[in-house]
């Protein structure tokens, strides 16, 4: 098994974009389930698909911002000579 990143503690990097995408899809699933059970009337027309697409776009924006923050922190660490190198987490392919 290859050595773990992020200090070798056996943890993975926190990825907020995956959290946002998961919450969006979970909410869409709950709304669809409640609508099919007749407990909730989602409104006129199919509004669930645009809501899911907007939520996934928001997840993409969150992912881009978090990637930029990680790159900036890695550059800052490299300049200061701190451990962790200049590579952002997950950049090793």
N, C-alpha and C. Protein backbone atom coordinates (compact mmCIF):
# COMPACT_ATOMS: atom_id res chain seq x y z
N UNK A 1 0.85 -1.18 0.00
CA UNK A 1 0.00 0.00 0.00
C UNK A 1 0.89 1.24 0.00
N UNK A 2 0.60 2.22 -0.87
CA UNK A 2 1.44 3.41 -0.91
C UNK A 2 1.28 4.25 0.34
N UNK A 3 2.30 5.04 0.66
CA UNK A 3 2.18 5.87 1.87
C UNK A 3 1.06 6.90 1.72
N UNK A 4 0.44 7.19 2.83
CA UNK A 4 -0.69 8.14 2.82
C UNK A 4 -0.19 9.56 2.73
N UNK A 5 -0.99 10.40 2.08
CA UNK A 5 -0.67 11.81 2.02
C UNK A 5 -1.19 12.49 3.27
N UNK A 6 -0.93 13.77 3.40
CA UNK A 6 -1.48 14.61 4.46
C UNK A 6 -0.99 14.19 5.83
N UNK A 7 0.29 13.98 5.97
CA UNK A 7 0.86 13.73 7.27
C UNK A 7 0.88 12.27 7.68
N UNK A 8 0.44 11.36 6.84
CA UNK A 8 0.48 9.95 7.15
C UNK A 8 -0.48 9.51 8.23
N UNK A 9 -1.52 10.28 8.48
CA UNK A 9 -2.45 9.94 9.54
C UNK A 9 -3.58 9.05 9.06
N UNK A 10 -3.56 8.67 7.79
CA UNK A 10 -4.62 7.82 7.27
C UNK A 10 -5.88 8.59 6.92
N UNK A 11 -5.78 9.90 6.80
CA UNK A 11 -6.94 10.71 6.45
C UNK A 11 -6.83 11.16 5.02
N UNK A 12 -7.94 11.52 4.44
CA UNK A 12 -7.95 12.06 3.10
C UNK A 12 -8.23 13.56 3.17
N UNK A 13 -7.94 14.24 2.09
CA UNK A 13 -8.15 15.69 2.05
C UNK A 13 -9.64 16.00 2.05
N UNK A 14 -10.00 17.05 2.75
CA UNK A 14 -11.39 17.50 2.75
C UNK A 14 -11.67 18.17 1.42
N UNK A 15 -12.69 17.71 0.73
CA UNK A 15 -13.06 18.26 -0.56
C UNK A 15 -14.47 18.82 -0.47
N UNK A 16 -14.59 20.13 -0.27
CA UNK A 16 -15.91 20.73 -0.08
C UNK A 16 -16.81 20.61 -1.30
N UNK A 17 -16.24 20.51 -2.50
CA UNK A 17 -17.07 20.39 -3.70
C UNK A 17 -17.85 19.08 -3.68
N UNK A 18 -17.23 18.02 -3.23
CA UNK A 18 -17.94 16.74 -3.14
C UNK A 18 -19.04 16.79 -2.09
N UNK A 19 -18.80 17.52 -1.02
CA UNK A 19 -19.83 17.68 0.01
C UNK A 19 -21.03 18.43 -0.56
N UNK A 20 -20.78 19.53 -1.27
CA UNK A 20 -21.87 20.32 -1.84
C UNK A 20 -22.64 19.50 -2.87
N UNK A 21 -21.92 18.80 -3.75
CA UNK A 21 -22.59 17.98 -4.77
C UNK A 21 -23.43 16.88 -4.12
N UNK A 22 -22.90 16.25 -3.10
CA UNK A 22 -23.65 15.21 -2.40
C UNK A 22 -24.91 15.74 -1.73
N UNK A 23 -24.80 16.90 -1.11
CA UNK A 23 -25.98 17.49 -0.46
C UNK A 23 -27.04 17.90 -1.48
N UNK A 24 -26.60 18.42 -2.63
CA UNK A 24 -27.54 18.80 -3.68
C UNK A 24 -28.29 17.57 -4.19
N UNK A 25 -27.56 16.51 -4.48
CA UNK A 25 -28.20 15.30 -4.99
C UNK A 25 -29.07 14.63 -3.93
N UNK A 26 -28.65 14.68 -2.68
CA UNK A 26 -29.47 14.12 -1.61
C UNK A 26 -30.78 14.90 -1.47
N UNK A 27 -30.69 16.22 -1.52
CA UNK A 27 -31.90 17.04 -1.43
C UNK A 27 -32.83 16.77 -2.60
N UNK A 28 -32.28 16.63 -3.81
CA UNK A 28 -33.10 16.35 -4.98
C UNK A 28 -33.78 14.98 -4.84
N UNK A 29 -33.07 14.02 -4.32
CA UNK A 29 -33.66 12.70 -4.11
C UNK A 29 -34.78 12.73 -3.09
N UNK A 30 -34.60 13.49 -2.02
CA UNK A 30 -35.64 13.59 -0.99
C UNK A 30 -36.88 14.29 -1.56
N UNK A 31 -36.67 15.35 -2.32
CA UNK A 31 -37.81 16.05 -2.93
C UNK A 31 -38.54 15.14 -3.90
N UNK A 32 -37.81 14.40 -4.73
CA UNK A 32 -38.44 13.48 -5.68
C UNK A 32 -39.20 12.38 -4.95
N UNK A 33 -38.64 11.88 -3.88
CA UNK A 33 -39.31 10.83 -3.10
C UNK A 33 -40.58 11.37 -2.46
N UNK A 34 -40.51 12.55 -1.87
CA UNK A 34 -41.71 13.13 -1.26
C UNK A 34 -42.76 13.49 -2.30
N UNK A 35 -42.34 13.93 -3.48
CA UNK A 35 -43.29 14.26 -4.54
C UNK A 35 -43.99 13.00 -5.05
N UNK A 36 -43.25 11.91 -5.17
CA UNK A 36 -43.87 10.67 -5.64
C UNK A 36 -44.80 10.07 -4.60
N UNK A 37 -44.55 10.36 -3.34
CA UNK A 37 -45.43 9.87 -2.27
C UNK A 37 -46.65 10.78 -2.11
N UNK A 38 -46.63 11.94 -2.74
CA UNK A 38 -47.76 12.87 -2.64
C UNK A 38 -47.72 13.75 -1.41
N UNK A 39 -46.62 13.72 -0.68
CA UNK A 39 -46.52 14.52 0.54
C UNK A 39 -46.16 15.98 0.24
N UNK A 40 -45.51 16.22 -0.89
CA UNK A 40 -45.06 17.56 -1.25
C UNK A 40 -45.43 17.81 -2.71
N UNK A 41 -45.92 19.00 -2.98
CA UNK A 41 -46.18 19.41 -4.36
C UNK A 41 -45.03 20.34 -4.77
N UNK A 42 -44.11 19.87 -5.64
CA UNK A 42 -42.94 20.68 -5.97
C UNK A 42 -43.24 21.93 -6.78
N UNK A 43 -44.44 22.09 -7.27
CA UNK A 43 -44.79 23.29 -8.03
C UNK A 43 -45.03 22.98 -9.49
N UNK A 44 -45.44 23.98 -10.23
CA UNK A 44 -45.74 23.74 -11.64
C UNK A 44 -44.48 23.50 -12.46
N UNK A 45 -44.53 22.55 -13.34
CA UNK A 45 -43.42 22.27 -14.23
C UNK A 45 -42.29 21.53 -13.54
N UNK A 46 -41.41 20.97 -14.35
CA UNK A 46 -40.26 20.25 -13.77
C UNK A 46 -39.19 21.23 -13.29
N UNK A 47 -39.17 21.49 -12.02
CA UNK A 47 -38.18 22.43 -11.45
C UNK A 47 -37.01 21.73 -10.80
N UNK A 48 -37.08 20.42 -10.70
CA UNK A 48 -36.02 19.70 -10.00
C UNK A 48 -34.73 19.66 -10.82
N UNK A 49 -34.83 19.44 -12.13
CA UNK A 49 -33.63 19.35 -12.96
C UNK A 49 -32.83 20.66 -12.98
N UNK A 50 -33.45 21.82 -13.19
CA UNK A 50 -32.65 23.05 -13.13
C UNK A 50 -32.03 23.31 -11.75
N UNK A 51 -32.75 22.93 -10.70
CA UNK A 51 -32.20 23.11 -9.36
C UNK A 51 -30.96 22.23 -9.16
N UNK A 52 -31.02 21.00 -9.66
CA UNK A 52 -29.87 20.10 -9.55
C UNK A 52 -28.70 20.64 -10.37
N UNK A 53 -28.99 21.12 -11.58
CA UNK A 53 -27.91 21.67 -12.41
C UNK A 53 -27.27 22.90 -11.77
N UNK A 54 -28.08 23.77 -11.20
CA UNK A 54 -27.51 24.94 -10.52
C UNK A 54 -26.68 24.52 -9.30
N UNK A 55 -27.16 23.53 -8.57
CA UNK A 55 -26.41 23.04 -7.42
C UNK A 55 -25.08 22.42 -7.81
N UNK A 56 -25.07 21.68 -8.92
CA UNK A 56 -23.82 21.09 -9.37
C UNK A 56 -22.86 22.15 -9.91
N UNK A 57 -23.41 23.21 -10.51
CA UNK A 57 -22.55 24.33 -10.91
C UNK A 57 -21.93 25.01 -9.68
N UNK A 58 -22.72 25.14 -8.63
CA UNK A 58 -22.20 25.71 -7.39
C UNK A 58 -21.09 24.82 -6.83
N UNK A 59 -21.26 23.50 -6.93
CA UNK A 59 -20.22 22.58 -6.47
C UNK A 59 -18.95 22.75 -7.30
N UNK A 60 -19.09 23.01 -8.59
CA UNK A 60 -17.93 23.25 -9.44
C UNK A 60 -17.19 24.52 -9.04
N UNK A 61 -17.94 25.55 -8.71
CA UNK A 61 -17.31 26.81 -8.26
C UNK A 61 -16.58 26.59 -6.94
N UNK A 62 -17.21 25.87 -6.03
CA UNK A 62 -16.57 25.57 -4.74
C UNK A 62 -15.29 24.77 -4.97
N UNK A 63 -15.34 23.81 -5.88
CA UNK A 63 -14.15 23.01 -6.18
C UNK A 63 -13.03 23.84 -6.76
N UNK A 64 -13.36 24.76 -7.65
CA UNK A 64 -12.33 25.62 -8.25
C UNK A 64 -11.71 26.53 -7.20
N UNK A 65 -12.52 27.07 -6.32
CA UNK A 65 -12.00 27.95 -5.27
C UNK A 65 -11.11 27.17 -4.30
N UNK A 66 -11.55 25.98 -3.90
CA UNK A 66 -10.74 25.20 -2.96
C UNK A 66 -9.43 24.74 -3.60
N UNK A 67 -9.46 24.45 -4.91
CA UNK A 67 -8.23 24.09 -5.60
C UNK A 67 -7.26 25.27 -5.61
N UNK A 68 -7.78 26.45 -5.88
CA UNK A 68 -6.93 27.64 -5.87
C UNK A 68 -6.33 27.92 -4.50
N UNK A 69 -7.12 27.71 -3.46
CA UNK A 69 -6.62 27.91 -2.10
C UNK A 69 -5.51 26.91 -1.78
N UNK A 70 -5.70 25.66 -2.18
CA UNK A 70 -4.67 24.65 -1.92
C UNK A 70 -3.39 24.95 -2.67
N UNK A 71 -3.50 25.40 -3.92
CA UNK A 71 -2.31 25.75 -4.68
C UNK A 71 -1.58 26.92 -4.04
N UNK A 72 -2.35 27.91 -3.59
CA UNK A 72 -1.73 29.08 -2.96
C UNK A 72 -1.01 28.69 -1.67
N UNK A 73 -1.65 27.83 -0.88
CA UNK A 73 -0.99 27.38 0.36
C UNK A 73 0.27 26.59 0.07
N UNK A 74 0.24 25.76 -0.96
CA UNK A 74 1.42 24.97 -1.32
C UNK A 74 2.56 25.88 -1.77
N UNK A 75 2.24 26.90 -2.57
CA UNK A 75 3.28 27.86 -2.98
C UNK A 75 3.85 28.59 -1.78
N UNK A 76 2.98 28.95 -0.84
CA UNK A 76 3.42 29.67 0.35
C UNK A 76 4.35 28.78 1.18
N UNK A 77 4.00 27.51 1.30
CA UNK A 77 4.86 26.58 2.05
C UNK A 77 6.20 26.40 1.38
N UNK A 78 6.21 26.34 0.07
CA UNK A 78 7.46 26.17 -0.66
C UNK A 78 8.38 27.36 -0.45
N UNK A 79 7.81 28.55 -0.49
CA UNK A 79 8.61 29.76 -0.28
C UNK A 79 9.19 29.82 1.12
N UNK A 80 8.42 29.35 2.09
CA UNK A 80 8.90 29.41 3.48
C UNK A 80 9.75 28.21 3.85
N UNK A 81 9.83 27.19 2.98
CA UNK A 81 10.64 26.04 3.25
C UNK A 81 9.99 25.06 4.21
N UNK A 82 8.68 25.08 4.29
CA UNK A 82 7.97 24.17 5.18
C UNK A 82 7.80 22.81 4.52
N UNK A 83 7.61 21.75 5.33
CA UNK A 83 7.35 20.45 4.73
C UNK A 83 6.01 20.44 4.01
N UNK A 84 5.87 19.58 3.07
CA UNK A 84 4.63 19.49 2.31
C UNK A 84 4.87 19.79 0.86
N UNK A 85 6.03 20.34 0.54
CA UNK A 85 6.39 20.59 -0.84
C UNK A 85 5.50 21.59 -1.52
N UNK A 86 5.70 21.75 -2.80
CA UNK A 86 4.94 22.71 -3.56
C UNK A 86 3.76 22.11 -4.26
N UNK A 87 3.54 20.81 -4.12
CA UNK A 87 2.44 20.16 -4.81
C UNK A 87 1.16 20.26 -3.99
N UNK A 88 0.05 20.62 -4.63
CA UNK A 88 -1.22 20.60 -3.92
C UNK A 88 -1.63 19.16 -3.64
N UNK A 89 -2.42 18.92 -2.60
CA UNK A 89 -2.84 17.55 -2.28
C UNK A 89 -3.57 16.93 -3.45
N UNK A 90 -3.24 15.69 -3.75
CA UNK A 90 -3.90 14.97 -4.83
C UNK A 90 -3.31 15.25 -6.20
N UNK A 91 -2.24 16.01 -6.29
CA UNK A 91 -1.67 16.35 -7.59
C UNK A 91 -0.78 15.24 -8.12
N UNK A 92 -0.40 14.30 -7.27
CA UNK A 92 0.43 13.21 -7.72
C UNK A 92 -0.43 12.22 -8.48
N UNK A 93 -0.06 11.89 -9.67
CA UNK A 93 -0.91 11.05 -10.51
C UNK A 93 -0.39 9.75 -10.64
